[in-house]
Amino acid sequence: MSYDELSGAVWRKSSWSSGGESTCVEVALGAPVVGIRDTKDRDGGTLVVTPATWSAFRACVAAK
């Protein structure tokens, strides 16, 4: 997996992020990988995971 696989992906801000721009997370879907980054530091690094890992994470969070 690599960041390069995110080219052309559309980033969206999490609807669960609170406050203004300072506490938001963005997710890029629609690529062979899923990207996760901090809205306030978009160039600070991107976590890249498989779609299966993202789905498992979402299921775990939804179960809480």
PDB file of N, CA and C in Angstrom:
ATOM      1  N   MET A   1       0.838  -1.185   0.000  1.00  0.00           N
ATOM      2  CA  MET A   1       0.000   0.000   0.000  1.00  0.00           C
ATOM      3  C   MET A   1       0.876   1.239   0.000  1.00  0.00           C
ATOM      4  N   SER A   2       0.433   2.226  -0.736  1.00  0.00           N
ATOM      5  CA  SER A   2       1.203   3.457  -0.739  1.00  0.00           C
ATOM      6  C   SER A   2       0.297   4.666  -0.934  1.00  0.00           C
ATOM      7  N   TYR A   3       0.828   5.801  -0.557  1.00  0.00           N
ATOM      8  CA  TYR A   3       0.120   7.067  -0.699  1.00  0.00           C
ATOM      9  C   TYR A   3      -0.195   7.344  -2.166  1.00  0.00           C
ATOM     10  N   ASP A   4       0.689   6.914  -3.072  1.00  0.00           N
ATOM     11  CA  ASP A   4       0.485   7.155  -4.506  1.00  0.00           C
ATOM     12  C   ASP A   4      -0.828   6.553  -5.001  1.00  0.00           C
ATOM     13  N   GLU A   5      -1.316   5.529  -4.350  1.00  0.00           N
ATOM     14  CA  GLU A   5      -2.562   4.896  -4.755  1.00  0.00           C
ATOM     15  C   GLU A   5      -3.780   5.769  -4.452  1.00  0.00           C
ATOM     16  N   LEU A   6      -3.569   6.884  -3.787  1.00  0.00           N
ATOM     17  CA  LEU A   6      -4.658   7.801  -3.455  1.00  0.00           C
ATOM     18  C   LEU A   6      -4.858   8.885  -4.507  1.00  0.00           C
ATOM     19  N   SER A   7      -4.030   8.877  -5.553  1.00  0.00           N
ATOM     20  CA  SER A   7      -4.181   9.923  -6.566  1.00  0.00           C
ATOM     21  C   SER A   7      -5.565   9.820  -7.187  1.00  0.00           C
ATOM     22  N   GLY A   8      -6.231  10.932  -7.264  1.00  0.00           N
ATOM     23  CA  GLY A   8      -7.572  10.981  -7.819  1.00  0.00           C
ATOM     24  C   GLY A   8      -8.677  10.682  -6.817  1.00  0.00           C
ATOM     25  N   ALA A   9      -8.308  10.270  -5.611  1.00  0.00           N
ATOM     26  CA  ALA A   9      -9.323   9.986  -4.592  1.00  0.00           C
ATOM     27  C   ALA A   9      -9.937  11.291  -4.099  1.00  0.00           C
ATOM     28  N   VAL A  10     -11.169  11.233  -3.678  1.00  0.00           N
ATOM     29  CA  VAL A  10     -11.871  12.400  -3.155  1.00  0.00           C
ATOM     30  C   VAL A  10     -11.808  12.359  -1.632  1.00  0.00           C
ATOM     31  N   TRP A  11     -11.285  13.429  -1.032  1.00  0.00           N
ATOM     32  CA  TRP A  11     -11.193  13.525   0.425  1.00  0.00           C
ATOM     33  C   TRP A  11     -12.477  14.134   0.971  1.00  0.00           C
ATOM     34  N   ARG A  12     -12.960  13.608   2.085  1.00  0.00           N
ATOM     35  CA  ARG A  12     -14.122  14.200   2.746  1.00  0.00           C
ATOM     36  C   ARG A  12     -13.868  14.280   4.241  1.00  0.00           C
ATOM     37  N   LYS A  13     -14.433  15.315   4.834  1.00  0.00           N
ATOM     38  CA  LYS A  13     -14.275  15.531   6.267  1.00  0.00           C
ATOM     39  C   LYS A  13     -15.271  14.668   7.027  1.00  0.00           C
ATOM     40  N   SER A  14     -14.826  14.099   8.121  1.00  0.00           N
ATOM     41  CA  SER A  14     -15.698  13.270   8.940  1.00  0.00           C
ATOM     42  C   SER A  14     -16.851  14.082   9.497  1.00  0.00           C
ATOM     43  N   SER A  15     -18.050  13.525   9.441  1.00  0.00           N
ATOM     44  CA  SER A  15     -19.206  14.205  10.023  1.00  0.00           C
ATOM     45  C   SER A  15     -19.185  14.115  11.546  1.00  0.00           C
ATOM     46  N   TRP A  16     -18.326  13.284  12.103  1.00  0.00           N
ATOM     47  CA  TRP A  16     -18.224  13.122  13.557  1.00  0.00           C
ATOM     48  C   TRP A  16     -17.155  14.007  14.171  1.00  0.00           C
ATOM     49  N   SER A  17     -16.401  14.729  13.343  1.00  0.00           N
ATOM     50  CA  SER A  17     -15.400  15.639  13.875  1.00  0.00           C
ATOM     51  C   SER A  17     -16.103  16.800  14.548  1.00  0.00           C
ATOM     52  N   SER A  18     -15.606  17.199  15.699  1.00  0.00           N
ATOM     53  CA  SER A  18     -16.263  18.286  16.424  1.00  0.00           C
ATOM     54  C   SER A  18     -15.528  19.594  16.208  1.00  0.00           C
ATOM     55  N   GLY A  19     -16.241  20.666  16.399  1.00  0.00           N
ATOM     56  CA  GLY A  19     -15.631  21.987  16.316  1.00  0.00           C
ATOM     57  C   GLY A  19     -15.355  22.413  14.891  1.00  0.00           C
ATOM     58  N   GLY A  20     -14.478  23.385  14.764  1.00  0.00           N
ATOM     59  CA  GLY A  20     -14.121  23.931  13.463  1.00  0.00           C
ATOM     60  C   GLY A  20     -13.065  23.105  12.773  1.00  0.00           C
ATOM     61  N   GLU A  21     -12.206  23.765  12.076  1.00  0.00           N
ATOM     62  CA  GLU A  21     -11.154  23.112  11.299  1.00  0.00           C
ATOM     63  C   GLU A  21     -10.090  22.428  12.155  1.00  0.00           C
ATOM     64  N   SER A  22     -10.015  22.729  13.433  1.00  0.00           N
ATOM     65  CA  SER A  22      -8.886  22.264  14.239  1.00  0.00           C
ATOM     66  C   SER A  22      -9.009  20.844  14.769  1.00  0.00           C
ATOM     67  N   THR A  23     -10.174  20.214  14.679  1.00  0.00           N
ATOM     68  CA  THR A  23     -10.307  18.874  15.242  1.00  0.00           C
ATOM     69  C   THR A  23     -10.939  17.905  14.252  1.00  0.00           C
ATOM     70  N   CYS A  24     -10.640  18.054  12.986  1.00  0.00           N
ATOM     71  CA  CYS A  24     -11.292  17.239  11.973  1.00  0.00           C
ATOM     72  C   CYS A  24     -10.360  16.204  11.359  1.00  0.00           C
ATOM     73  N   VAL A  25     -10.979  15.132  10.947  1.00  0.00           N
ATOM     74  CA  VAL A  25     -10.283  14.060  10.257  1.00  0.00           C
ATOM     75  C   VAL A  25     -10.894  13.950   8.869  1.00  0.00           C
ATOM     76  N   GLU A  26     -10.053  13.707   7.868  1.00  0.00           N
ATOM     77  CA  GLU A  26     -10.525  13.516   6.502  1.00  0.00           C
ATOM     78  C   GLU A  26     -10.221  12.099   6.058  1.00  0.00           C
ATOM     79  N   VAL A  27     -11.084  11.572   5.208  1.00  0.00           N
ATOM     80  CA  VAL A  27     -10.922  10.217   4.698  1.00  0.00           C
ATOM     81  C   VAL A  27     -11.036  10.269   3.182  1.00  0.00           C
ATOM     82  N   ALA A  28     -10.162   9.539   2.491  1.00  0.00           N
ATOM     83  CA  ALA A  28     -10.230   9.418   1.039  1.00  0.00           C
ATOM     84  C   ALA A  28     -10.661   8.003   0.695  1.00  0.00           C
ATOM     85  N   LEU A  29     -11.795   7.914   0.024  1.00  0.00           N
ATOM     86  CA  LEU A  29     -12.331   6.627  -0.398  1.00  0.00           C
ATOM     87  C   LEU A  29     -12.336   6.569  -1.919  1.00  0.00           C
ATOM     88  N   GLY A  30     -12.592   5.409  -2.470  1.00  0.00           N
ATOM     89  CA  GLY A  30     -12.720   5.285  -3.913  1.00  0.00           C
ATOM     90  C   GLY A  30     -11.435   4.964  -4.630  1.00  0.00           C
ATOM     91  N   ALA A  31     -10.411   4.631  -3.903  1.00  0.00           N
ATOM     92  CA  ALA A  31      -9.136   4.226  -4.473  1.00  0.00           C
ATOM     93  C   ALA A  31      -8.851   2.796  -4.007  1.00  0.00           C
ATOM     94  N   PRO A  32      -7.783   2.176  -4.483  1.00  0.00           N
ATOM     95  CA  PRO A  32      -7.459   0.823  -4.018  1.00  0.00           C
ATOM     96  C   PRO A  32      -7.131   0.778  -2.519  1.00  0.00           C
ATOM     97  N   VAL A  33      -6.904   1.952  -1.938  1.00  0.00           N
ATOM     98  CA  VAL A  33      -6.601   2.059  -0.506  1.00  0.00           C
ATOM     99  C   VAL A  33      -7.473   3.158   0.085  1.00  0.00           C
ATOM    100  N   VAL A  34      -7.497   3.245   1.410  1.00  0.00           N
ATOM    101  CA  VAL A  34      -8.222   4.305   2.108  1.00  0.00           C
ATOM    102  C   VAL A  34      -7.188   5.185   2.803  1.00  0.00           C
ATOM    103  N   GLY A  35      -7.296   6.488   2.624  1.00  0.00           N
ATOM    104  CA  GLY A  35      -6.385   7.420   3.275  1.00  0.00           C
ATOM    105  C   GLY A  35      -7.084   8.148   4.405  1.00  0.00           C
ATOM    106  N   ILE A  36      -6.337   8.382   5.484  1.00  0.00           N
ATOM    107  CA  ILE A  36      -6.871   9.088   6.647  1.00  0.00           C
ATOM    108  C   ILE A  36      -5.849  10.153   7.022  1.00  0.00           C
ATOM    109  N   ARG A  37      -6.293  11.398   7.182  1.00  0.00           N
ATOM    110  CA  ARG A  37      -5.365  12.477   7.525  1.00  0.00           C
ATOM    111  C   ARG A  37      -6.039  13.506   8.415  1.00  0.00           C
ATOM    112  N   ASP A  38      -5.221  14.333   9.026  1.00  0.00           N
ATOM    113  CA  ASP A  38      -5.655  15.420   9.902  1.00  0.00           C
ATOM    114  C   ASP A  38      -5.943  16.646   9.040  1.00  0.00           C
ATOM    115  N   THR A  39      -7.136  17.194   9.148  1.00  0.00           N
ATOM    116  CA  THR A  39      -7.517  18.350   8.340  1.00  0.00           C
ATOM    117  C   THR A  39      -6.582  19.534   8.545  1.00  0.00           C
ATOM    118  N   LYS A  40      -6.161  19.773   9.778  1.00  0.00           N
ATOM    119  CA  LYS A  40      -5.336  20.957  10.045  1.00  0.00           C
ATOM    120  C   LYS A  40      -3.887  20.777   9.623  1.00  0.00           C
ATOM    121  N   ASP A  41      -3.479  19.542   9.284  1.00  0.00           N
ATOM    122  CA  ASP A  41      -2.101  19.282   8.867  1.00  0.00           C
ATOM    123  C   ASP A  41      -2.100  18.283   7.706  1.00  0.00           C
ATOM    124  N   ARG A  42      -2.689  18.688   6.606  1.00  0.00           N
ATOM    125  CA  ARG A  42      -2.855  17.790   5.457  1.00  0.00           C
ATOM    126  C   ARG A  42      -1.549  17.277   4.891  1.00  0.00           C
ATOM    127  N   ASP A  43      -0.489  18.023   5.038  1.00  0.00           N
ATOM    128  CA  ASP A  43       0.820  17.585   4.542  1.00  0.00           C
ATOM    129  C   ASP A  43       1.636  16.878   5.616  1.00  0.00           C
ATOM    130  N   GLY A  44       1.072  16.703   6.792  1.00  0.00           N
ATOM    131  CA  GLY A  44       1.793  16.121   7.915  1.00  0.00           C
ATOM    132  C   GLY A  44       1.844  14.608   7.929  1.00  0.00           C
ATOM    133  N   GLY A  45       1.205  13.982   6.988  1.00  0.00           N
ATOM    134  CA  GLY A  45       1.231  12.526   6.927  1.00  0.00           C
ATOM    135  C   GLY A  45      -0.159  11.969   6.710  1.00  0.00           C
ATOM    136  N   THR A  46      -0.197  10.828   6.080  1.00  0.00           N
ATOM    137  CA  THR A  46      -1.458  10.165   5.780  1.00  0.00           C
ATOM    138  C   THR A  46      -1.342   8.702   6.168  1.00  0.00           C
ATOM    139  N   LEU A  47      -2.310   8.243   6.911  1.00  0.00           N
ATOM    140  CA  LEU A  47      -2.393   6.832   7.242  1.00  0.00           C
ATOM    141  C   LEU A  47      -3.085   6.149   6.070  1.00  0.00           C
ATOM    142  N   VAL A  48      -2.479   5.096   5.537  1.00  0.00           N
ATOM    143  CA  VAL A  48      -3.031   4.377   4.394  1.00  0.00           C
ATOM    144  C   VAL A  48      -3.344   2.955   4.833  1.00  0.00           C
ATOM    145  N   VAL A  49      -4.612   2.547   4.656  1.00  0.00           N
ATOM    146  CA  VAL A  49      -5.052   1.212   5.054  1.00  0.00           C
ATOM    147  C   VAL A  49      -5.839   0.574   3.914  1.00  0.00           C
ATOM    148  N   THR A  50      -6.055  -0.727   4.010  1.00  0.00           N
ATOM    149  CA  THR A  50      -6.861  -1.421   3.014  1.00  0.00           C
ATOM    150  C   THR A  50      -8.340  -1.106   3.255  1.00  0.00           C
ATOM    151  N   PRO A  51      -9.165  -1.236   2.234  1.00  0.00           N
ATOM    152  CA  PRO A  51     -10.603  -1.056   2.444  1.00  0.00           C
ATOM    153  C   PRO A  51     -11.162  -2.031   3.493  1.00  0.00           C
ATOM    154  N   ALA A  52     -10.647  -3.237   3.560  1.00  0.00           N
ATOM    155  CA  ALA A  52     -11.112  -4.205   4.565  1.00  0.00           C
ATOM    156  C   ALA A  52     -10.782  -3.728   5.976  1.00  0.00           C
ATOM    157  N   THR A  53      -9.602  -3.168   6.166  1.00  0.00           N
ATOM    158  CA  THR A  53      -9.214  -2.636   7.468  1.00  0.00           C
ATOM    159  C   THR A  53     -10.106  -1.462   7.845  1.00  0.00           C
ATOM    160  N   TRP A  54     -10.393  -0.584   6.890  1.00  0.00           N
ATOM    161  CA  TRP A  54     -11.277   0.554   7.139  1.00  0.00           C
ATOM    162  C   TRP A  54     -12.670   0.071   7.537  1.00  0.00           C
ATOM    163  N   SER A  55     -13.188  -0.914   6.837  1.00  0.00           N
ATOM    164  CA  SER A  55     -14.513  -1.455   7.158  1.00  0.00           C
ATOM    165  C   SER A  55     -14.551  -2.051   8.559  1.00  0.00           C
ATOM    166  N   ALA A  56     -13.499  -2.779   8.918  1.00  0.00           N
ATOM    167  CA  ALA A  56     -13.431  -3.366  10.265  1.00  0.00           C
ATOM    168  C   ALA A  56     -13.369  -2.281  11.327  1.00  0.00           C
ATOM    169  N   PHE A  57     -12.604  -1.226  11.081  1.00  0.00           N
ATOM    170  CA  PHE A  57     -12.524  -0.102  12.010  1.00  0.00           C
ATOM    171  C   PHE A  57     -13.892   0.548  12.186  1.00  0.00           C
ATOM    172  N   ARG A  58     -14.571   0.814  11.079  1.00  0.00           N
ATOM    173  CA  ARG A  58     -15.900   1.439  11.142  1.00  0.00           C
ATOM    174  C   ARG A  58     -16.892   0.566  11.916  1.00  0.00           C
ATOM    175  N   ALA A  59     -16.840  -0.717  11.689  1.00  0.00           N
ATOM    176  CA  ALA A  59     -17.745  -1.634  12.386  1.00  0.00           C
ATOM    177  C   ALA A  59     -17.472  -1.617  13.890  1.00  0.00           C
ATOM    178  N   CYS A  60     -16.211  -1.564  14.265  1.00  0.00           N
ATOM    179  CA  CYS A  60     -15.835  -1.526  15.671  1.00  0.00           C
ATOM    180  C   CYS A  60     -16.314  -0.230  16.331  1.00  0.00           C
ATOM    181  N   VAL A  61     -16.120   0.888  15.661  1.00  0.00           N
ATOM    182  CA  VAL A  61     -16.549   2.173  16.201  1.00  0.00           C
ATOM    183  C   VAL A  61     -18.074   2.226  16.309  1.00  0.00           C
ATOM    184  N   ALA A  62     -18.764   1.722  15.312  1.00  0.00           N
ATOM    185  CA  ALA A  62     -20.227   1.739  15.315  1.00  0.00           C
ATOM    186  C   ALA A  62     -20.795   0.879  16.443  1.00  0.00           C
ATOM    187  N   ALA A  63     -20.063  -0.134  16.849  1.00  0.00           N
ATOM    188  CA  ALA A  63     -20.523  -1.042  17.908  1.00  0.00           C
ATOM    189  C   ALA A  63     -20.371  -0.432  19.293  1.00  0.00           C
ATOM    190  N   LYS A  64     -19.636   0.662  19.426  1.00  0.00           N
ATOM    191  CA  LYS A  64     -19.383   1.297  20.723  1.00  0.00           C
ATOM    192  C   LYS A  64     -20.557   2.096  21.207  1.00  0.00           C
TER     193      LYS A  64
END
